């Protein structure tokens, strides 16, 4: 069992988030997920990755709600 302060490799994080490594690299460059180099290897804390995932899901839900409301205003049948 992993603890929330366990560190993950970029490959593990990409798998957990179900994103490509190149997309994860962009998230890291933008500072969306904190990372550190440990012995020349990039590592991220599980806690930080799960917080990013939750923020991303909340944003996605808000965007979908807004699109649904707009579709209803336009009487698009949704």
Protein backbone atom coordinates (compact mmCIF):
# COMPACT_ATOMS: atom_id res chain seq x y z
CA UNK A 1 0.00 0.00 0.00
CA UNK A 2 1.31 3.47 -0.86
CA UNK A 3 1.29 6.46 1.45
CA UNK A 4 0.30 9.94 0.30
CA UNK A 5 3.90 11.18 0.72
CA UNK A 6 5.32 8.39 -1.44
CA UNK A 7 7.18 9.57 -4.51
CA UNK A 8 6.26 8.46 -8.00
CA UNK A 9 8.13 8.38 -11.28
CA UNK A 10 6.82 10.27 -14.31
CA UNK A 11 5.72 6.98 -15.86
CA UNK A 12 3.71 6.06 -12.78
CA UNK A 13 2.10 9.51 -12.67
CA UNK A 14 1.21 9.43 -16.37
CA UNK A 15 -0.42 6.03 -15.85
CA UNK A 16 -2.30 7.21 -12.75
CA UNK A 17 -3.64 10.27 -14.57
CA UNK A 18 -4.19 8.35 -17.80
CA UNK A 19 -2.21 10.92 -19.81
CA UNK A 20 0.77 10.72 -22.14
CA UNK A 21 4.28 11.41 -20.90
CA UNK A 22 4.50 14.47 -23.14
CA UNK A 23 1.29 15.89 -21.63
CA UNK A 24 2.67 15.21 -18.15
CA UNK A 25 5.87 17.03 -19.12
CA UNK A 26 3.78 20.10 -20.04
CA UNK A 27 1.97 19.93 -16.68
CA UNK A 28 5.33 19.82 -14.92
CA UNK A 29 6.73 22.71 -16.97
CA UNK A 30 3.64 24.80 -16.13
CA UNK A 31 4.02 23.96 -12.44
CA UNK A 32 0.60 22.29 -12.27
CA UNK A 33 2.17 19.39 -10.37
CA UNK A 34 5.19 20.04 -8.12
CA UNK A 35 8.19 17.84 -8.86
CA UNK A 36 11.75 17.51 -7.72
CA UNK A 37 14.85 15.86 -9.03
CA UNK A 38 16.19 13.09 -6.87
CA UNK A 39 19.47 11.62 -7.98
CA UNK A 40 18.93 12.98 -11.48
CA UNK A 41 15.45 11.49 -11.65
CA UNK A 42 12.19 13.46 -11.60
CA UNK A 43 9.85 12.50 -8.75
CA UNK A 44 6.38 13.69 -7.67
CA UNK A 45 4.60 13.13 -4.39
CA UNK A 46 1.46 11.01 -4.60
CA UNK A 47 -0.37 13.61 -2.53
CA UNK A 48 0.40 16.35 -5.06
CA UNK A 49 -0.67 14.16 -7.98
CA UNK A 50 -3.97 13.28 -6.32
CA UNK A 51 -4.61 16.96 -5.51
CA UNK A 52 -4.00 17.87 -9.17
CA UNK A 53 -6.33 15.07 -10.29
CA UNK A 54 -9.09 16.35 -7.99
CA UNK A 55 -8.64 19.97 -9.17
CA UNK A 56 -8.74 18.81 -12.77
CA UNK A 57 -11.92 16.80 -12.22
CA UNK A 58 -13.65 19.75 -10.51
CA UNK A 59 -12.70 22.07 -13.38
CA UNK A 60 -13.93 19.53 -15.94
CA UNK A 61 -17.26 19.22 -14.09
CA UNK A 62 -17.70 23.02 -13.99
CA UNK A 63 -16.98 23.29 -17.71
CA UNK A 64 -19.44 20.52 -18.54
CA UNK A 65 -22.11 22.19 -16.39
CA UNK A 66 -21.54 25.48 -18.22
CA UNK A 67 -21.76 23.77 -21.62
CA UNK A 68 -24.94 21.96 -20.60
CA UNK A 69 -26.51 25.22 -19.42
CA UNK A 70 -25.55 26.92 -22.67
CA UNK A 71 -27.01 24.05 -24.73
CA UNK A 72 -30.26 24.31 -22.78
CA UNK A 73 -30.40 28.09 -23.30
CA UNK A 74 -29.97 27.51 -27.03
CA UNK A 75 -32.67 24.82 -26.95
CA UNK A 76 -30.33 22.21 -28.40
CA UNK A 77 -32.23 19.31 -26.86
CA UNK A 78 -29.89 18.61 -23.95
